[in-house]
Amino acid sequence: MSLCNSWFCIEIVKFRGHRNIRATHKTTLEITKDKELTPRGDCIIGVSADKALHDFSERFRKLVSNSDSKLLVMVISDKGNYDIVSAEGHPKLSYTDENKIIIRKSTYIAGNTAGIKSNKSAIDINRKLINDLREGSEGLAIFIVIRKS
């Protein structure tokens, strides 16, 4: 689902947790369409996502590719625990990845990068939320991009 107008756009991604979610990575967090997860995937907070970046609306991708855009992501478990992550958009964000959504604290950009200069990575996410996801809860990630000026 997407909802957009001239200054904002919203995308909702449904996913589920997995017993191997560790969420200990210090610079990134990821939601993936992959159904399985090994313990090595320490940045992953959700699997079996119903969308990857490639699936986001054209309007969302256009707004997030402005240097003055802000990305807010609310991650919620079906138990009601949540966290909010903020990041920045950038003209080089392509949203081409067909499997992953990655938010980065750094300025590194690839086809799987949703936002850069994030205020949080996997290790910073609310531990009650992570525990819910580790127990297999379903989750939502609500992506909101806002043009600041």
Foldseek 3Di string as FASTA:
>chain_A
DKDDDDFKMKDKKKFKFALLAQLADFWKAKEWCAPDDDVVPHQYQTYNIPFALLPDDPRRQVLLQDQQKKKKKWKAWPVGDIDIKIFGGHNPADSNDGIMAMDGCAPDHDNNYPGYVMPGTSNPTDVVSSVRRSVITMMMMMMMMGRPD
